[in-house]
């Protein structure tokens, strides 16, 4: 059986690390159980690392642990990495999404063609973006709700 490919954004990674009872943590746990292949764009990994470094610089007490947890997570998960996209792909994605900072993530997801794009950023990764790109965009909670059907197919 081919494992479904699940593209994660940095918000899901950070929430999954920070909030033990979050839906994002549930998504990471399913990935750790090797039920899915996570697709991570280099830009997402970099965004996550920068956010964790900001927490460390701000004196957040658990930031060093979060950074270490993220490194361990990257070692233990089945991850397919997507390199930075070309300027042309970035420009094409920029026309599809309102927020400029999300364009490289969207471009990487378009290149990757995952089965699912999991994000909690529904303000920018909208139904319209999903329709225009053909990507199946869901929140972590929606992904968990649908995971039974995903795994049984």
N, C-alpha and C. Protein backbone atom coordinates (compact mmCIF):
# COMPACT_ATOMS: atom_id res chain seq x y z
N UNK A 1 0.84 -1.18 0.00
CA UNK A 1 0.00 0.00 0.00
C UNK A 1 0.89 1.25 0.00
N UNK A 2 0.59 2.18 -0.87
CA UNK A 2 1.30 3.44 -0.91
C UNK A 2 0.76 4.34 0.19
N UNK A 3 1.67 4.88 0.97
CA UNK A 3 1.24 5.78 2.05
C UNK A 3 0.80 7.11 1.46
N UNK A 4 -0.30 7.66 1.95
CA UNK A 4 -0.71 8.99 1.50
C UNK A 4 0.38 10.02 1.82
N UNK A 5 0.56 10.96 0.93
CA UNK A 5 1.56 12.02 1.10
C UNK A 5 0.86 13.25 1.66
N UNK A 6 1.37 13.74 2.78
CA UNK A 6 0.74 14.84 3.51
C UNK A 6 1.72 15.99 3.65
N UNK A 7 1.39 17.11 3.02
CA UNK A 7 2.21 18.31 3.07
C UNK A 7 1.82 19.11 4.31
N UNK A 8 2.79 19.44 5.15
CA UNK A 8 2.53 20.22 6.37
C UNK A 8 3.10 21.61 6.24
N UNK A 9 2.40 22.59 6.81
CA UNK A 9 2.97 23.93 6.87
C UNK A 9 3.60 24.14 8.25
N UNK A 10 4.31 25.24 8.39
CA UNK A 10 5.05 25.48 9.64
C UNK A 10 4.12 25.64 10.84
N UNK A 11 2.94 26.18 10.63
CA UNK A 11 2.00 26.35 11.74
C UNK A 11 1.62 25.02 12.36
N UNK A 12 1.43 24.02 11.54
CA UNK A 12 1.08 22.69 12.04
C UNK A 12 2.26 22.09 12.81
N UNK A 13 3.46 22.24 12.27
CA UNK A 13 4.64 21.73 12.96
C UNK A 13 4.82 22.39 14.32
N UNK A 14 4.71 23.71 14.35
CA UNK A 14 4.92 24.44 15.61
C UNK A 14 3.83 24.11 16.62
N UNK A 15 2.59 24.14 16.18
CA UNK A 15 1.50 23.82 17.11
C UNK A 15 1.63 22.38 17.62
N UNK A 16 2.02 21.48 16.73
CA UNK A 16 2.20 20.08 17.14
C UNK A 16 3.29 19.91 18.18
N UNK A 17 4.32 20.74 18.11
CA UNK A 17 5.41 20.68 19.08
C UNK A 17 5.03 21.36 20.40
N UNK A 18 4.30 22.47 20.31
CA UNK A 18 4.01 23.29 21.48
C UNK A 18 2.80 22.79 22.27
N UNK A 19 1.78 22.32 21.57
CA UNK A 19 0.50 22.00 22.21
C UNK A 19 0.24 20.49 22.22
N UNK A 20 0.47 19.85 23.36
CA UNK A 20 0.36 18.39 23.40
C UNK A 20 -1.04 17.84 23.14
N UNK A 21 -2.08 18.64 23.33
CA UNK A 21 -3.44 18.14 23.11
C UNK A 21 -4.06 18.69 21.84
N UNK A 22 -3.25 19.22 20.96
CA UNK A 22 -3.77 19.82 19.73
C UNK A 22 -3.99 18.77 18.64
N UNK A 23 -4.84 19.13 17.70
CA UNK A 23 -5.04 18.29 16.52
C UNK A 23 -3.74 18.17 15.73
N UNK A 24 -2.96 19.24 15.71
CA UNK A 24 -1.68 19.21 15.00
C UNK A 24 -0.76 18.14 15.61
N UNK A 25 -0.76 18.01 16.93
CA UNK A 25 0.04 16.95 17.57
C UNK A 25 -0.47 15.59 17.12
N UNK A 26 -1.78 15.44 17.01
CA UNK A 26 -2.33 14.17 16.52
C UNK A 26 -1.85 13.83 15.12
N UNK A 27 -1.77 14.84 14.26
CA UNK A 27 -1.27 14.63 12.90
C UNK A 27 0.18 14.15 12.96
N UNK A 28 1.00 14.80 13.79
CA UNK A 28 2.40 14.40 13.91
C UNK A 28 2.53 12.97 14.44
N UNK A 29 1.66 12.61 15.38
CA UNK A 29 1.70 11.25 15.95
C UNK A 29 1.37 10.22 14.87
N UNK A 30 0.38 10.50 14.04
CA UNK A 30 0.05 9.57 12.95
C UNK A 30 1.23 9.45 11.99
N UNK A 31 1.90 10.55 11.74
CA UNK A 31 3.08 10.50 10.88
C UNK A 31 4.21 9.72 11.51
N UNK A 32 4.39 9.87 12.80
CA UNK A 32 5.42 9.13 13.52
C UNK A 32 5.15 7.63 13.48
N UNK A 33 3.88 7.27 13.43
CA UNK A 33 3.49 5.86 13.32
C UNK A 33 3.65 5.35 11.89
N UNK A 34 4.18 6.20 11.01
CA UNK A 34 4.47 5.85 9.60
C UNK A 34 3.20 5.51 8.82
N UNK A 35 2.09 6.13 9.20
CA UNK A 35 0.85 5.92 8.46
C UNK A 35 0.79 6.82 7.23
N UNK A 36 1.62 7.86 7.22
CA UNK A 36 1.67 8.81 6.11
C UNK A 36 3.13 9.11 5.80
N UNK A 37 3.36 9.61 4.62
CA UNK A 37 4.64 10.20 4.30
C UNK A 37 4.44 11.69 4.34
N UNK A 38 5.16 12.36 5.22
CA UNK A 38 5.06 13.80 5.29
C UNK A 38 5.91 14.43 4.19
N UNK A 39 5.35 15.45 3.59
CA UNK A 39 6.05 16.22 2.56
C UNK A 39 6.35 17.57 3.19
N UNK A 40 7.64 17.89 3.27
CA UNK A 40 8.05 19.16 3.88
C UNK A 40 8.90 19.94 2.90
N UNK A 41 8.47 21.15 2.65
CA UNK A 41 9.25 22.04 1.82
C UNK A 41 10.38 22.63 2.65
N UNK A 42 11.51 22.87 2.02
CA UNK A 42 12.63 23.50 2.72
C UNK A 42 12.19 24.82 3.36
N UNK A 43 11.35 25.58 2.66
CA UNK A 43 10.88 26.85 3.19
C UNK A 43 10.10 26.64 4.50
N UNK A 44 9.35 25.56 4.59
CA UNK A 44 8.58 25.26 5.81
C UNK A 44 9.52 24.90 6.95
N UNK A 45 10.53 24.10 6.66
CA UNK A 45 11.51 23.74 7.69
C UNK A 45 12.22 25.00 8.19
N UNK A 46 12.61 25.87 7.26
CA UNK A 46 13.28 27.12 7.64
C UNK A 46 12.37 28.03 8.46
N UNK A 47 11.09 28.15 8.06
CA UNK A 47 10.14 28.96 8.83
C UNK A 47 9.99 28.42 10.24
N UNK A 48 9.91 27.12 10.36
CA UNK A 48 9.75 26.49 11.67
C UNK A 48 10.97 26.75 12.54
N UNK A 49 12.15 26.57 11.97
CA UNK A 49 13.38 26.82 12.72
C UNK A 49 13.48 28.28 13.16
N UNK A 50 13.12 29.22 12.26
CA UNK A 50 13.17 30.64 12.63
C UNK A 50 12.20 30.94 13.76
N UNK A 51 11.01 30.37 13.70
CA UNK A 51 10.02 30.62 14.76
C UNK A 51 10.52 30.08 16.10
N UNK A 52 11.15 28.92 16.07
CA UNK A 52 11.68 28.34 17.32
C UNK A 52 12.85 29.17 17.85
N UNK A 53 13.68 29.69 16.96
CA UNK A 53 14.78 30.57 17.39
C UNK A 53 14.25 31.87 17.99
N UNK A 54 13.16 32.41 17.41
CA UNK A 54 12.54 33.62 17.98
C UNK A 54 12.06 33.34 19.40
N UNK A 55 11.45 32.19 19.60
CA UNK A 55 10.98 31.84 20.95
C UNK A 55 12.16 31.76 21.91
N UNK A 56 13.26 31.18 21.45
CA UNK A 56 14.45 31.08 22.28
C UNK A 56 15.00 32.47 22.62
N UNK A 57 15.07 33.34 21.63
CA UNK A 57 15.58 34.70 21.84
C UNK A 57 14.67 35.52 22.76
N UNK A 58 13.37 35.22 22.75
CA UNK A 58 12.42 35.94 23.59
C UNK A 58 12.40 35.41 25.02
N UNK A 59 13.22 34.41 25.28
CA UNK A 59 13.30 33.87 26.63
C UNK A 59 12.22 32.87 26.97
N UNK A 60 11.53 32.33 25.95
CA UNK A 60 10.52 31.30 26.20
C UNK A 60 11.22 30.10 26.82
N UNK A 61 10.80 29.73 28.01
CA UNK A 61 11.48 28.71 28.80
C UNK A 61 11.67 27.37 28.13
N UNK A 62 10.72 26.95 27.34
CA UNK A 62 10.81 25.63 26.71
C UNK A 62 11.36 25.66 25.31
N UNK A 63 11.89 26.80 24.86
CA UNK A 63 12.30 26.93 23.46
C UNK A 63 13.44 25.99 23.09
N UNK A 64 14.40 25.81 23.95
CA UNK A 64 15.52 24.90 23.65
C UNK A 64 15.00 23.48 23.48
N UNK A 65 14.06 23.08 24.34
CA UNK A 65 13.47 21.75 24.22
C UNK A 65 12.70 21.62 22.91
N UNK A 66 11.95 22.67 22.56
CA UNK A 66 11.19 22.64 21.30
C UNK A 66 12.12 22.49 20.11
N UNK A 67 13.22 23.23 20.12
CA UNK A 67 14.20 23.13 19.02
C UNK A 67 14.75 21.70 18.94
N UNK A 68 15.09 21.13 20.09
CA UNK A 68 15.60 19.76 20.12
C UNK A 68 14.53 18.76 19.67
N UNK A 69 13.29 18.99 20.10
CA UNK A 69 12.18 18.12 19.69
C UNK A 69 11.98 18.18 18.18
N UNK A 70 12.10 19.37 17.60
CA UNK A 70 11.93 19.52 16.16
C UNK A 70 13.03 18.75 15.41
N UNK A 71 14.25 18.86 15.88
CA UNK A 71 15.35 18.12 15.24
C UNK A 71 15.13 16.61 15.33
N UNK A 72 14.68 16.16 16.48
CA UNK A 72 14.40 14.74 16.66
C UNK A 72 13.24 14.30 15.76
N UNK A 73 12.22 15.13 15.68
CA UNK A 73 11.08 14.84 14.82
C UNK A 73 11.52 14.66 13.37
N UNK A 74 12.39 15.53 12.90
CA UNK A 74 12.87 15.46 11.52
C UNK A 74 13.65 14.17 11.26
N UNK A 75 14.31 13.66 12.30
CA UNK A 75 15.06 12.41 12.15
C UNK A 75 14.14 11.20 12.14
N UNK A 76 13.08 11.27 12.91
CA UNK A 76 12.24 10.09 13.12
C UNK A 76 11.08 9.95 12.15
N UNK A 77 10.68 11.04 11.53
CA UNK A 77 9.54 10.97 10.62
C UNK A 77 9.97 10.51 9.23
N UNK A 78 9.04 9.87 8.56
CA UNK A 78 9.24 9.55 7.14
C UNK A 78 8.90 10.84 6.39
N UNK A 79 9.94 11.51 5.87
CA UNK A 79 9.76 12.83 5.28
C UNK A 79 10.30 12.85 3.85
N UNK A 80 9.50 13.40 2.97
CA UNK A 80 9.94 13.71 1.61
C UNK A 80 10.21 15.21 1.58
N UNK A 81 11.40 15.60 1.20
CA UNK A 81 11.76 17.01 1.20
C UNK A 81 11.57 17.62 -0.19
N UNK A 82 11.06 18.83 -0.22
CA UNK A 82 10.87 19.59 -1.45
C UNK A 82 11.79 20.80 -1.38
N UNK A 83 12.65 20.92 -2.36
CA UNK A 83 13.61 22.02 -2.40
C UNK A 83 12.89 23.34 -2.69
N UNK A 84 13.63 24.42 -2.56
CA UNK A 84 13.09 25.75 -2.87
C UNK A 84 12.65 25.78 -4.33
N UNK A 85 11.56 26.48 -4.58
CA UNK A 85 11.02 26.54 -5.94
C UNK A 85 11.72 27.62 -6.75
N UNK A 86 11.56 27.53 -8.04
CA UNK A 86 12.15 28.52 -8.94
C UNK A 86 11.39 29.84 -8.83
N UNK A 87 12.02 30.94 -9.24
CA UNK A 87 11.33 32.23 -9.25
C UNK A 87 10.04 32.20 -10.09
N UNK A 88 10.05 31.47 -11.18
CA UNK A 88 8.85 31.39 -12.03
C UNK A 88 7.70 30.70 -11.29
N UNK A 89 8.01 29.63 -10.58
CA UNK A 89 6.96 28.93 -9.81
C UNK A 89 6.46 29.80 -8.65
N UNK A 90 7.37 30.53 -8.03
CA UNK A 90 6.98 31.46 -6.97
C UNK A 90 6.01 32.51 -7.52
N UNK A 91 6.35 33.10 -8.67
CA UNK A 91 5.49 34.13 -9.27
C UNK A 91 4.12 33.57 -9.62
N UNK A 92 4.08 32.36 -10.13
CA UNK A 92 2.80 31.74 -10.47
C UNK A 92 1.95 31.54 -9.21
N UNK A 93 2.57 31.09 -8.12
CA UNK A 93 1.85 30.88 -6.86
C UNK A 93 1.41 32.20 -6.26
N UNK A 94 2.22 33.22 -6.43
CA UNK A 94 1.91 34.53 -5.85
C UNK A 94 0.59 35.07 -6.39
N UNK A 95 0.27 34.74 -7.60
CA UNK A 95 -0.99 35.20 -8.19
C UNK A 95 -2.20 34.41 -7.67
N UNK A 96 -1.95 33.33 -6.94
CA UNK A 96 -3.04 32.47 -6.48
C UNK A 96 -3.40 32.66 -5.01
N UNK A 97 -2.56 33.37 -4.27
CA UNK A 97 -2.77 33.49 -2.82
C UNK A 97 -2.56 34.94 -2.40
N UNK A 98 -3.37 35.40 -1.46
CA UNK A 98 -3.34 36.80 -1.04
C UNK A 98 -2.07 37.22 -0.32
N UNK A 99 -1.54 36.36 0.49
CA UNK A 99 -0.44 36.73 1.38
C UNK A 99 0.90 36.33 0.75
N UNK A 100 1.73 37.30 0.47
CA UNK A 100 3.01 37.09 -0.20
C UNK A 100 3.87 36.05 0.51
N UNK A 101 3.89 36.07 1.84
CA UNK A 101 4.74 35.14 2.59
C UNK A 101 4.32 33.68 2.42
N UNK A 102 3.07 33.45 2.01
CA UNK A 102 2.61 32.08 1.81
C UNK A 102 2.86 31.57 0.40
N UNK A 103 3.25 32.44 -0.51
CA UNK A 103 3.46 32.05 -1.90
C UNK A 103 4.52 30.96 -2.07
N UNK A 104 5.68 31.04 -1.39
CA UNK A 104 6.66 29.95 -1.58
C UNK A 104 6.18 28.61 -1.05
N UNK A 105 5.38 28.65 0.02
CA UNK A 105 4.83 27.40 0.57
C UNK A 105 3.82 26.82 -0.41
N UNK A 106 2.95 27.67 -0.94
CA UNK A 106 1.97 27.21 -1.92
C UNK A 106 2.67 26.67 -3.16
N UNK A 107 3.69 27.38 -3.64
CA UNK A 107 4.42 26.93 -4.82
C UNK A 107 5.04 25.55 -4.59
N UNK A 108 5.62 25.35 -3.42
CA UNK A 108 6.21 24.04 -3.11
C UNK A 108 5.14 22.95 -3.06
N UNK A 109 3.98 23.28 -2.51
CA UNK A 109 2.89 22.30 -2.46
C UNK A 109 2.40 21.96 -3.86
N UNK A 110 2.32 22.95 -4.72
CA UNK A 110 1.89 22.71 -6.11
C UNK A 110 2.89 21.78 -6.80
N UNK A 111 4.17 22.03 -6.59
CA UNK A 111 5.22 21.18 -7.18
C UNK A 111 5.11 19.76 -6.62
N UNK A 112 4.90 19.63 -5.31
CA UNK A 112 4.88 18.33 -4.65
C UNK A 112 3.65 17.49 -5.00
N UNK A 113 2.52 18.15 -5.26
CA UNK A 113 1.26 17.45 -5.54
C UNK A 113 0.92 16.40 -4.47
N UNK A 114 0.85 16.82 -3.20
CA UNK A 114 0.54 15.86 -2.13
C UNK A 114 -0.93 15.45 -2.20
N UNK A 115 -1.24 14.39 -1.47
CA UNK A 115 -2.64 13.98 -1.34
C UNK A 115 -3.40 14.98 -0.47
N UNK A 116 -2.72 15.58 0.50
CA UNK A 116 -3.32 16.53 1.43
C UNK A 116 -2.33 17.63 1.75
N UNK A 117 -2.83 18.85 1.89
CA UNK A 117 -2.06 19.96 2.44
C UNK A 117 -2.73 20.31 3.76
N UNK A 118 -2.03 20.12 4.85
CA UNK A 118 -2.60 20.37 6.18
C UNK A 118 -2.06 21.69 6.71
N UNK A 119 -2.97 22.60 7.01
CA UNK A 119 -2.63 23.91 7.52
C UNK A 119 -3.74 24.40 8.43
N UNK A 120 -3.38 25.25 9.39
CA UNK A 120 -4.44 25.90 10.16
C UNK A 120 -4.59 27.35 9.70
N UNK A 121 -3.94 27.69 8.61
CA UNK A 121 -4.01 29.04 8.06
C UNK A 121 -5.10 29.11 6.98
N UNK A 122 -6.33 29.00 7.42
CA UNK A 122 -7.45 29.03 6.47
C UNK A 122 -7.78 30.45 6.00
N UNK A 123 -7.16 31.43 6.62
CA UNK A 123 -7.35 32.82 6.17
C UNK A 123 -6.69 33.02 4.80
N UNK A 124 -5.56 32.35 4.57
CA UNK A 124 -4.85 32.50 3.31
C UNK A 124 -4.96 31.28 2.40
N UNK A 125 -4.95 30.09 2.99
CA UNK A 125 -5.11 28.85 2.21
C UNK A 125 -6.60 28.52 2.17
N UNK A 126 -7.29 29.22 1.30
CA UNK A 126 -8.74 29.21 1.26
C UNK A 126 -9.28 28.13 0.32
N UNK A 127 -10.61 28.00 0.33
CA UNK A 127 -11.29 27.11 -0.61
C UNK A 127 -10.99 27.54 -2.05
N UNK A 128 -10.93 28.83 -2.28
CA UNK A 128 -10.61 29.34 -3.61
C UNK A 128 -9.21 28.92 -4.03
N UNK A 129 -8.25 29.01 -3.13
CA UNK A 129 -6.88 28.57 -3.43
C UNK A 129 -6.88 27.08 -3.75
N UNK A 130 -7.61 26.31 -2.97
CA UNK A 130 -7.70 24.87 -3.21
C UNK A 130 -8.28 24.59 -4.59
N UNK A 131 -9.33 25.28 -4.93
CA UNK A 131 -9.98 25.07 -6.23
C UNK A 131 -9.04 25.45 -7.38
N UNK A 132 -8.36 26.58 -7.25
CA UNK A 132 -7.46 27.05 -8.32
C UNK A 132 -6.25 26.15 -8.52
N UNK A 133 -5.80 25.51 -7.45
CA UNK A 133 -4.58 24.71 -7.53
C UNK A 133 -4.84 23.21 -7.66
N UNK A 134 -6.05 22.79 -7.32
CA UNK A 134 -6.35 21.36 -7.30
C UNK A 134 -5.82 20.66 -6.05
N UNK A 135 -5.35 21.44 -5.08
CA UNK A 135 -4.85 20.86 -3.83
C UNK A 135 -6.01 20.61 -2.87
N UNK A 136 -5.91 19.54 -2.11
CA UNK A 136 -6.89 19.25 -1.06
C UNK A 136 -6.33 19.87 0.22
N UNK A 137 -6.89 21.01 0.61
CA UNK A 137 -6.39 21.78 1.75
C UNK A 137 -7.34 21.58 2.92
N UNK A 138 -6.79 21.13 4.06
CA UNK A 138 -7.60 20.86 5.24
C UNK A 138 -6.88 21.35 6.49
N UNK A 139 -7.64 21.56 7.54
CA UNK A 139 -7.08 21.88 8.84
C UNK A 139 -6.64 20.58 9.53
N UNK A 140 -5.81 20.68 10.55
CA UNK A 140 -5.44 19.46 11.27
C UNK A 140 -6.65 18.69 11.82
N UNK A 141 -7.63 19.39 12.37
CA UNK A 141 -8.80 18.69 12.92
C UNK A 141 -9.59 18.00 11.82
N UNK A 142 -9.75 18.67 10.69
CA UNK A 142 -10.45 18.05 9.56
C UNK A 142 -9.68 16.83 9.05
N UNK A 143 -8.37 16.96 9.00
CA UNK A 143 -7.54 15.83 8.56
C UNK A 143 -7.74 14.64 9.49
N UNK A 144 -7.72 14.88 10.79
CA UNK A 144 -7.93 13.78 11.74
C UNK A 144 -9.32 13.17 11.60
N UNK A 145 -10.31 14.01 11.41
CA UNK A 145 -11.67 13.50 11.23
C UNK A 145 -11.78 12.60 10.00
N UNK A 146 -11.02 12.92 8.97
CA UNK A 146 -11.10 12.17 7.72
C UNK A 146 -10.05 11.05 7.63
N UNK A 147 -9.17 10.96 8.61
CA UNK A 147 -8.05 10.02 8.51
C UNK A 147 -8.49 8.56 8.46
N UNK A 148 -9.60 8.23 9.06
CA UNK A 148 -10.09 6.85 8.98
C UNK A 148 -10.38 6.45 7.54
N UNK A 149 -11.04 7.34 6.81
CA UNK A 149 -11.33 7.07 5.40
C UNK A 149 -10.05 7.06 4.58
N UNK A 150 -9.11 7.92 4.94
CA UNK A 150 -7.83 7.99 4.23
C UNK A 150 -7.09 6.67 4.37
N UNK A 151 -7.04 6.16 5.58
CA UNK A 151 -6.27 4.95 5.85
C UNK A 151 -6.94 3.69 5.34
N UNK A 152 -8.26 3.69 5.24
CA UNK A 152 -8.95 2.49 4.78
C UNK A 152 -9.01 2.39 3.26
N UNK A 153 -8.62 3.47 2.57
CA UNK A 153 -8.67 3.41 1.09
C UNK A 153 -7.40 2.90 0.49
